[in-house]
N, C-alpha and C. Protein backbone atom coordinates (compact mmCIF):
# COMPACT_ATOMS: atom_id res chain seq x y z
N MET A 1 0.82 -1.20 0.00
CA MET A 1 0.00 0.00 0.00
C MET A 1 0.86 1.27 0.00
N PHE A 2 2.06 1.21 0.56
CA PHE A 2 2.89 2.40 0.69
C PHE A 2 4.00 2.48 -0.36
N ASP A 3 3.96 1.63 -1.37
CA ASP A 3 5.01 1.64 -2.38
C ASP A 3 4.96 2.87 -3.27
N SER A 4 3.81 3.49 -3.37
CA SER A 4 3.65 4.71 -4.16
C SER A 4 4.30 5.89 -3.43
N ARG A 5 5.04 6.69 -4.18
CA ARG A 5 5.68 7.88 -3.61
C ARG A 5 4.64 8.81 -2.98
N ILE A 6 3.49 8.91 -3.61
CA ILE A 6 2.44 9.80 -3.12
C ILE A 6 1.87 9.29 -1.81
N ARG A 7 1.57 8.01 -1.74
CA ARG A 7 1.02 7.44 -0.50
C ARG A 7 2.04 7.48 0.62
N LEU A 8 3.29 7.28 0.28
CA LEU A 8 4.35 7.40 1.27
C LEU A 8 4.40 8.83 1.81
N GLY A 9 4.24 9.80 0.92
CA GLY A 9 4.22 11.21 1.32
C GLY A 9 3.03 11.54 2.19
N ILE A 10 1.87 11.04 1.82
CA ILE A 10 0.66 11.29 2.61
C ILE A 10 0.83 10.75 4.02
N MET A 11 1.28 9.50 4.11
CA MET A 11 1.45 8.87 5.42
C MET A 11 2.52 9.58 6.24
N SER A 12 3.57 10.03 5.59
CA SER A 12 4.63 10.76 6.30
C SER A 12 4.09 12.05 6.89
N ILE A 13 3.31 12.77 6.11
CA ILE A 13 2.73 14.03 6.58
C ILE A 13 1.77 13.78 7.75
N LEU A 14 0.93 12.76 7.61
CA LEU A 14 -0.06 12.48 8.66
C LEU A 14 0.57 11.88 9.91
N SER A 15 1.71 11.25 9.78
CA SER A 15 2.34 10.64 10.96
C SER A 15 2.97 11.69 11.88
N VAL A 16 3.21 12.89 11.37
CA VAL A 16 3.81 13.94 12.21
C VAL A 16 2.84 15.09 12.51
N ASN A 17 1.61 14.99 12.01
CA ASN A 17 0.58 16.01 12.26
C ASN A 17 -0.68 15.32 12.76
N ASP A 18 -1.39 15.95 13.67
CA ASP A 18 -2.65 15.38 14.17
C ASP A 18 -3.68 15.29 13.05
N GLU A 19 -3.83 16.37 12.31
CA GLU A 19 -4.78 16.44 11.19
C GLU A 19 -4.20 17.36 10.13
N VAL A 20 -4.52 17.07 8.88
CA VAL A 20 -4.09 17.93 7.77
C VAL A 20 -5.26 18.06 6.80
N ASP A 21 -5.56 19.29 6.37
CA ASP A 21 -6.67 19.47 5.44
C ASP A 21 -6.23 19.20 4.00
N PHE A 22 -7.21 18.99 3.15
CA PHE A 22 -6.98 18.59 1.76
C PHE A 22 -6.08 19.58 1.03
N ASN A 23 -6.37 20.87 1.13
CA ASN A 23 -5.60 21.87 0.39
C ASN A 23 -4.15 21.94 0.85
N THR A 24 -3.91 21.82 2.14
CA THR A 24 -2.55 21.82 2.65
C THR A 24 -1.79 20.61 2.12
N MET A 25 -2.43 19.46 2.14
CA MET A 25 -1.82 18.23 1.63
C MET A 25 -1.49 18.38 0.15
N LYS A 26 -2.43 18.95 -0.59
CA LYS A 26 -2.24 19.15 -2.03
C LYS A 26 -1.03 20.05 -2.30
N GLU A 27 -0.90 21.12 -1.52
CA GLU A 27 0.24 22.03 -1.70
C GLU A 27 1.56 21.37 -1.31
N LEU A 28 1.56 20.66 -0.19
CA LEU A 28 2.80 20.02 0.27
C LEU A 28 3.31 18.98 -0.72
N LEU A 29 2.39 18.24 -1.32
CA LEU A 29 2.78 17.16 -2.23
C LEU A 29 2.80 17.59 -3.69
N GLU A 30 2.33 18.81 -3.96
CA GLU A 30 2.28 19.37 -5.31
C GLU A 30 1.52 18.44 -6.27
N LEU A 31 0.27 18.15 -5.91
CA LEU A 31 -0.56 17.25 -6.68
C LEU A 31 -1.83 17.95 -7.16
N THR A 32 -2.48 17.36 -8.14
CA THR A 32 -3.79 17.84 -8.56
C THR A 32 -4.85 17.31 -7.60
N ASP A 33 -6.01 17.91 -7.62
CA ASP A 33 -7.11 17.46 -6.75
C ASP A 33 -7.43 15.98 -6.97
N GLY A 34 -7.59 15.61 -8.24
CA GLY A 34 -7.99 14.25 -8.56
C GLY A 34 -6.94 13.21 -8.18
N ASN A 35 -5.68 13.53 -8.42
CA ASN A 35 -4.61 12.60 -8.09
C ASN A 35 -4.54 12.38 -6.58
N LEU A 36 -4.57 13.47 -5.82
CA LEU A 36 -4.54 13.35 -4.36
C LEU A 36 -5.76 12.61 -3.86
N ALA A 37 -6.93 12.95 -4.36
CA ALA A 37 -8.18 12.33 -3.90
C ALA A 37 -8.16 10.82 -4.10
N SER A 38 -7.64 10.36 -5.23
CA SER A 38 -7.63 8.92 -5.49
C SER A 38 -6.70 8.18 -4.52
N HIS A 39 -5.57 8.76 -4.19
CA HIS A 39 -4.66 8.14 -3.24
C HIS A 39 -5.22 8.19 -1.81
N LEU A 40 -5.84 9.29 -1.45
CA LEU A 40 -6.47 9.38 -0.13
C LEU A 40 -7.58 8.35 0.01
N LYS A 41 -8.36 8.16 -1.05
CA LYS A 41 -9.46 7.20 -1.01
C LYS A 41 -8.93 5.77 -0.83
N ALA A 42 -7.84 5.45 -1.50
CA ALA A 42 -7.24 4.12 -1.36
C ALA A 42 -6.76 3.90 0.07
N LEU A 43 -6.13 4.90 0.66
CA LEU A 43 -5.66 4.78 2.04
C LEU A 43 -6.83 4.71 3.02
N GLU A 44 -7.88 5.44 2.73
CA GLU A 44 -9.07 5.39 3.58
C GLU A 44 -9.74 4.02 3.48
N ASN A 45 -9.85 3.49 2.28
CA ASN A 45 -10.46 2.17 2.09
C ASN A 45 -9.66 1.07 2.79
N GLY A 46 -8.36 1.27 2.92
CA GLY A 46 -7.52 0.32 3.63
C GLY A 46 -7.48 0.54 5.12
N ALA A 47 -8.23 1.51 5.61
CA ALA A 47 -8.33 1.87 7.05
C ALA A 47 -7.03 2.44 7.60
N TYR A 48 -6.19 3.00 6.72
CA TYR A 48 -4.94 3.62 7.16
C TYR A 48 -5.14 5.07 7.60
N ILE A 49 -6.14 5.73 7.02
CA ILE A 49 -6.44 7.11 7.39
C ILE A 49 -7.93 7.27 7.63
N GLN A 50 -8.28 8.34 8.31
CA GLN A 50 -9.67 8.68 8.61
C GLN A 50 -9.96 10.05 8.01
N THR A 51 -11.14 10.19 7.45
CA THR A 51 -11.57 11.46 6.87
C THR A 51 -12.51 12.16 7.84
N ILE A 52 -12.29 13.46 8.04
CA ILE A 52 -13.15 14.27 8.90
C ILE A 52 -13.71 15.40 8.03
N LYS A 53 -15.01 15.36 7.79
CA LYS A 53 -15.66 16.40 6.98
C LYS A 53 -16.45 17.32 7.89
N GLN A 54 -16.28 18.63 7.67
CA GLN A 54 -16.98 19.62 8.48
C GLN A 54 -17.18 20.87 7.65
N PHE A 55 -17.90 21.81 8.19
CA PHE A 55 -18.08 23.11 7.56
C PHE A 55 -17.42 24.16 8.44
N ILE A 56 -16.70 25.07 7.80
CA ILE A 56 -16.16 26.24 8.49
C ILE A 56 -16.91 27.42 7.89
N GLY A 57 -17.82 27.96 8.69
CA GLY A 57 -18.77 28.92 8.14
C GLY A 57 -19.67 28.16 7.18
N ARG A 58 -19.69 28.58 5.94
CA ARG A 58 -20.48 27.87 4.93
C ARG A 58 -19.62 27.06 3.97
N LYS A 59 -18.32 27.03 4.25
CA LYS A 59 -17.41 26.33 3.34
C LYS A 59 -17.10 24.94 3.86
N PRO A 60 -17.19 23.94 2.97
CA PRO A 60 -16.82 22.58 3.40
C PRO A 60 -15.31 22.48 3.62
N ASN A 61 -14.93 21.69 4.60
CA ASN A 61 -13.52 21.49 4.91
C ASN A 61 -13.32 20.01 5.20
N THR A 62 -12.35 19.41 4.52
CA THR A 62 -12.05 18.00 4.72
C THR A 62 -10.65 17.87 5.28
N LYS A 63 -10.56 17.15 6.40
CA LYS A 63 -9.27 16.91 7.05
C LYS A 63 -9.04 15.41 7.12
N TYR A 64 -7.79 15.05 7.27
CA TYR A 64 -7.41 13.65 7.35
C TYR A 64 -6.52 13.43 8.56
N ARG A 65 -6.64 12.23 9.13
CA ARG A 65 -5.75 11.84 10.22
C ARG A 65 -5.41 10.37 10.05
N ILE A 66 -4.26 10.00 10.57
CA ILE A 66 -3.81 8.61 10.49
C ILE A 66 -4.51 7.80 11.58
N THR A 67 -4.88 6.58 11.27
CA THR A 67 -5.51 5.70 12.26
C THR A 67 -4.43 4.95 13.04
N GLU A 68 -4.81 4.33 14.13
CA GLU A 68 -3.85 3.51 14.89
C GLU A 68 -3.33 2.37 14.02
N PHE A 69 -4.22 1.76 13.26
CA PHE A 69 -3.82 0.71 12.32
C PHE A 69 -2.82 1.26 11.31
N GLY A 70 -3.10 2.45 10.79
CA GLY A 70 -2.20 3.10 9.83
C GLY A 70 -0.84 3.39 10.44
N LYS A 71 -0.82 3.89 11.68
CA LYS A 71 0.45 4.16 12.36
C LYS A 71 1.28 2.89 12.47
N HIS A 72 0.62 1.81 12.88
CA HIS A 72 1.32 0.55 13.07
C HIS A 72 1.89 0.02 11.75
N ASP A 73 1.06 -0.04 10.72
CA ASP A 73 1.52 -0.57 9.44
C ASP A 73 2.57 0.32 8.78
N PHE A 74 2.42 1.62 8.92
CA PHE A 74 3.40 2.54 8.34
C PHE A 74 4.75 2.38 9.06
N LYS A 75 4.72 2.24 10.36
CA LYS A 75 5.96 2.03 11.12
C LYS A 75 6.63 0.73 10.68
N GLU A 76 5.84 -0.32 10.50
CA GLU A 76 6.37 -1.60 10.03
C GLU A 76 7.00 -1.45 8.64
N HIS A 77 6.35 -0.68 7.78
CA HIS A 77 6.87 -0.45 6.43
C HIS A 77 8.21 0.30 6.50
N LEU A 78 8.28 1.32 7.33
CA LEU A 78 9.53 2.07 7.48
C LEU A 78 10.64 1.20 8.05
N ASN A 79 10.31 0.35 9.00
CA ASN A 79 11.30 -0.58 9.56
C ASN A 79 11.83 -1.53 8.48
N ALA A 80 10.94 -2.02 7.63
CA ALA A 80 11.35 -2.91 6.55
C ALA A 80 12.25 -2.18 5.55
N LEU A 81 11.93 -0.93 5.25
CA LEU A 81 12.78 -0.14 4.35
C LEU A 81 14.16 0.09 4.96
N GLU A 82 14.18 0.36 6.25
CA GLU A 82 15.45 0.59 6.95
C GLU A 82 16.32 -0.67 6.89
N LYS A 83 15.73 -1.83 7.12
CA LYS A 83 16.48 -3.09 7.04
C LYS A 83 17.00 -3.33 5.62
N PHE A 84 16.20 -2.97 4.64
CA PHE A 84 16.59 -3.14 3.25
C PHE A 84 17.79 -2.25 2.90
N ILE A 85 17.77 -1.03 3.40
CA ILE A 85 18.84 -0.07 3.11
C ILE A 85 20.14 -0.46 3.80
N LEU A 86 20.03 -0.94 5.03
CA LEU A 86 21.23 -1.30 5.80
C LEU A 86 21.67 -2.67 5.37
């Protein structure tokens, strides 16, 4: 699930932040709306991230956070990469 550079970036951002909104994520990763949305949906379907939808005033706002399952699996993935590199 984390072999994609984009998904690795998403998980990295979410692992060091409590929540990140869609536009911030898009700017940090320099992606189009559709590209980011498809990767976020895949991570959400795998239960690695959680979506929080709310309104700020009258504007919709979507934020994402990493799940406990996502933290665990991402840490395992990073450990495997570290062993591979060393």
